[in-house]
């Protein structure tokens, strides 16, 4: 099976998107996606069914999912923490970022349909970056930035992002061949 190619944005592209977006609510969602690695469902909430195929048995597993919208009470700016109830009804702590402040978290909870957010983000990326991307690309960019630019250890990024398995993080973080070559060279 071929490895899935992951699209992501870098910090400069993210800054262009922030500058181009005029609505503060959307800016806040982008900041939470790229700056803290949150999923759209962790910001806007999600109520519906989750359908998965059990890898061992091959059986289809269906369960009800109810993720509440993110509220300002979940964000502690002084401790730099966001308490998340995310995918799989798992709780985790995410980190705040330099773009979050008391003024913009007052906009929470945000009540905008997911499809509206996805559509607006895709149009903004096409117009600003010339690329067709979806909201989850922000999360990919966050993981890539922490691992490849800030050099955070993968287990720390895994914990902050809420992945249950470290190998899953590998598809979110694009390895930089030049960095790998330089690091291998420096070992000897």
Protein backbone atom coordinates (compact mmCIF):
# COMPACT_ATOMS: atom_id res chain seq x y z
CA UNK A 1 0.00 0.00 0.00
CA UNK A 2 1.36 3.40 -0.98
CA UNK A 3 1.97 5.97 1.73
CA UNK A 4 -0.57 8.75 1.83
CA UNK A 5 0.84 12.09 0.73
CA UNK A 6 -0.05 14.71 3.28
CA UNK A 7 -0.66 18.34 2.39
CA UNK A 8 0.38 20.96 4.88
CA UNK A 9 1.11 24.66 5.08
CA UNK A 10 4.15 26.33 6.55
CA UNK A 11 4.27 29.27 8.96
CA UNK A 12 4.65 31.89 6.21
CA UNK A 13 1.62 30.54 4.33
CA UNK A 14 -0.34 30.54 7.59
CA UNK A 15 0.53 34.19 8.21
CA UNK A 16 -0.69 35.04 4.69
CA UNK A 17 -4.01 33.30 5.41
CA UNK A 18 -4.41 35.18 8.70
CA UNK A 19 -3.71 38.49 6.99
CA UNK A 20 -6.22 37.72 4.22
CA UNK A 21 -9.06 36.61 6.56
CA UNK A 22 -11.14 39.53 7.82
CA UNK A 23 -13.68 37.75 10.07
CA UNK A 24 -12.33 37.37 13.63
CA UNK A 25 -14.24 34.12 14.22
CA UNK A 26 -12.60 32.43 11.26
CA UNK A 27 -9.20 33.81 12.22
CA UNK A 28 -9.67 32.31 15.68
CA UNK A 29 -10.52 28.91 14.20
CA UNK A 30 -7.43 29.03 11.96
CA UNK A 31 -5.27 30.00 14.95
CA UNK A 32 -6.63 27.05 16.93
CA UNK A 33 -6.01 24.70 13.98
CA UNK A 34 -2.49 25.78 13.08
CA UNK A 35 -1.29 27.18 16.41
CA UNK A 36 -2.68 24.46 18.69
CA UNK A 37 -3.32 21.50 16.38
CA UNK A 38 -7.07 21.33 17.00
CA UNK A 39 -9.42 19.45 14.71
CA UNK A 40 -12.45 21.25 13.30
CA UNK A 41 -14.68 18.95 15.39
CA UNK A 42 -12.81 19.98 18.55
CA UNK A 43 -13.54 23.64 17.79
CA UNK A 44 -17.09 23.49 16.39
CA UNK A 45 -18.22 20.26 18.01
CA UNK A 46 -19.63 17.22 16.28
CA UNK A 47 -22.71 15.13 16.80
CA UNK A 48 -23.27 12.06 14.68
CA UNK A 49 -22.01 8.57 14.01
CA UNK A 50 -18.48 7.28 13.84
CA UNK A 51 -17.99 4.29 11.56
CA UNK A 52 -14.78 2.30 11.72
CA UNK A 53 -13.63 -1.06 10.49
CA UNK A 54 -11.99 -3.24 13.12
CA UNK A 55 -8.51 -4.10 11.77
CA UNK A 56 -8.43 -7.53 13.38
CA UNK A 57 -11.96 -8.80 12.75
CA UNK A 58 -12.94 -6.73 9.73
CA UNK A 59 -16.28 -5.93 11.38
CA UNK A 60 -17.84 -2.50 11.02
CA UNK A 61 -18.08 -0.68 14.35
CA UNK A 62 -20.61 2.13 14.58
CA UNK A 63 -21.01 4.40 17.60
CA UNK A 64 -22.61 7.71 18.49
CA UNK A 65 -20.26 10.66 18.81
CA UNK A 66 -21.00 13.86 20.71
CA UNK A 67 -18.11 16.32 20.90
CA UNK A 68 -19.13 19.66 22.45
CA UNK A 69 -18.10 23.01 21.00
CA UNK A 70 -14.95 24.59 22.40
CA UNK A 71 -15.70 27.25 25.03
CA UNK A 72 -13.54 29.95 26.57
CA UNK A 73 -13.73 28.08 29.91
CA UNK A 74 -11.56 25.34 28.39
CA UNK A 75 -8.71 27.76 27.68
CA UNK A 76 -6.27 28.78 30.41
CA UNK A 77 -4.04 31.46 28.88
CA UNK A 78 -1.85 31.75 31.99
CA UNK A 79 -1.08 28.01 32.08
CA UNK A 80 -0.91 27.90 28.23
CA UNK A 81 -3.42 25.02 28.13
CA UNK A 82 -6.57 24.07 26.28
CA UNK A 83 -8.62 21.21 27.67
CA UNK A 84 -9.98 19.25 24.72
CA UNK A 85 -12.63 16.57 24.45
CA UNK A 86 -11.79 15.17 21.07
CA UNK A 87 -11.89 12.22 18.76
CA UNK A 88 -12.90 8.99 20.47
CA UNK A 89 -14.28 10.99 23.43
CA UNK A 90 -10.71 11.27 24.72
CA UNK A 91 -9.63 14.18 26.88
CA UNK A 92 -6.28 15.81 26.28
CA UNK A 93 -4.42 19.02 26.92
CA UNK A 94 -3.31 21.10 23.96
CA UNK A 95 -1.04 24.12 24.12
CA UNK A 96 -2.20 27.68 23.54
CA UNK A 97 -0.21 29.84 21.14
CA UNK A 98 0.97 33.42 20.68
CA UNK A 99 -2.07 34.36 18.57
CA UNK A 100 -4.59 33.53 21.34
CA UNK A 101 -5.61 36.29 23.74
CA UNK A 102 -8.52 37.28 25.99
CA UNK A 103 -10.13 39.29 23.22
CA UNK A 104 -10.37 36.55 20.64
CA UNK A 105 -11.31 33.70 22.98
CA UNK A 106 -14.34 35.77 23.97
CA UNK A 107 -15.71 34.76 20.55
CA UNK A 108 -16.10 31.16 21.77
CA UNK A 109 -18.17 29.09 21.35
CA UNK A 110 -18.42 29.54 17.59
CA UNK A 111 -21.67 28.50 15.96
CA UNK A 112 -20.87 28.19 12.27
CA UNK A 113 -21.62 25.03 10.26
CA UNK A 114 -18.58 22.87 9.51
CA UNK A 115 -19.27 22.88 5.77
CA UNK A 116 -19.33 26.68 5.77
CA UNK A 117 -15.95 26.80 7.53
CA UNK A 118 -14.48 24.17 5.18
CA UNK A 119 -15.75 26.01 2.09
CA UNK A 120 -14.49 29.39 3.23
CA UNK A 121 -11.08 27.98 4.16
CA UNK A 122 -10.73 26.20 0.81
CA UNK A 123 -11.66 29.37 -1.11
CA UNK A 124 -9.25 31.47 0.99
CA UNK A 125 -6.39 29.02 0.33
CA UNK A 126 -7.11 28.96 -3.40
CA UNK A 127 -7.21 32.78 -3.56
CA UNK A 128 -4.28 33.46 -1.21
CA UNK A 129 -1.95 30.50 -1.75
CA UNK A 130 -3.11 29.16 -5.12
CA UNK A 131 -3.74 25.73 -3.56
CA UNK A 132 -6.92 23.78 -2.86
CA UNK A 133 -6.64 22.78 0.81
CA UNK A 134 -9.01 21.80 3.61
CA UNK A 135 -9.16 22.86 7.25
CA UNK A 136 -7.33 19.74 8.46
CA UNK A 137 -4.28 21.01 6.54
CA UNK A 138 -3.79 23.43 9.46
CA UNK A 139 -3.28 20.48 11.82
CA UNK A 140 -0.81 18.90 9.39
CA UNK A 141 1.09 22.20 9.26
CA UNK A 142 1.12 22.41 13.06
CA UNK A 143 2.62 18.91 13.43
CA UNK A 144 5.13 19.52 10.65
CA UNK A 145 6.19 22.86 12.15
CA UNK A 146 6.69 21.44 15.65
CA UNK A 147 8.68 18.42 14.47
CA UNK A 148 10.69 19.77 11.54
CA UNK A 149 11.18 23.43 12.44
CA UNK A 150 10.98 23.62 16.24
CA UNK A 151 12.47 20.10 16.63
CA UNK A 152 10.02 18.96 19.31
CA UNK A 153 10.33 15.22 19.97
CA UNK A 154 7.61 13.24 18.18
CA UNK A 155 6.22 11.76 21.44
CA UNK A 156 5.54 15.30 22.72
CA UNK A 157 3.74 16.25 19.51
CA UNK A 158 1.83 12.96 19.69
CA UNK A 159 0.63 13.80 23.20
CA UNK A 160 -0.36 17.37 22.31
CA UNK A 161 -2.19 16.24 19.17
CA UNK A 162 -4.02 13.37 20.82
CA UNK A 163 -2.79 10.53 18.60
CA UNK A 164 -3.00 7.18 20.33
CA UNK A 165 -0.12 5.73 18.29
CA UNK A 166 3.20 7.35 17.46
CA UNK A 167 3.31 5.84 13.96
CA UNK A 168 0.07 7.66 13.09
CA UNK A 169 1.87 10.94 13.64
CA UNK A 170 4.25 10.01 10.82
CA UNK A 171 1.65 10.77 8.14
CA UNK A 172 1.08 14.24 9.59
CA UNK A 173 4.72 15.22 9.83
CA UNK A 174 6.52 15.47 6.51
CA UNK A 175 10.14 14.46 6.89
CA UNK A 176 12.63 16.94 5.51
CA UNK A 177 15.30 14.96 3.57
CA UNK A 178 17.88 17.76 3.85
CA UNK A 179 17.51 17.83 7.65
CA UNK A 180 17.79 14.03 7.81
CA UNK A 181 20.98 14.07 5.70
CA UNK A 182 22.52 16.87 7.79
CA UNK A 183 21.63 15.12 11.05
CA UNK A 184 23.04 11.78 9.83
CA UNK A 185 26.21 13.50 8.63
CA UNK A 186 26.72 15.21 12.01
CA UNK A 187 26.52 11.88 13.87
CA UNK A 188 29.93 10.85 12.50
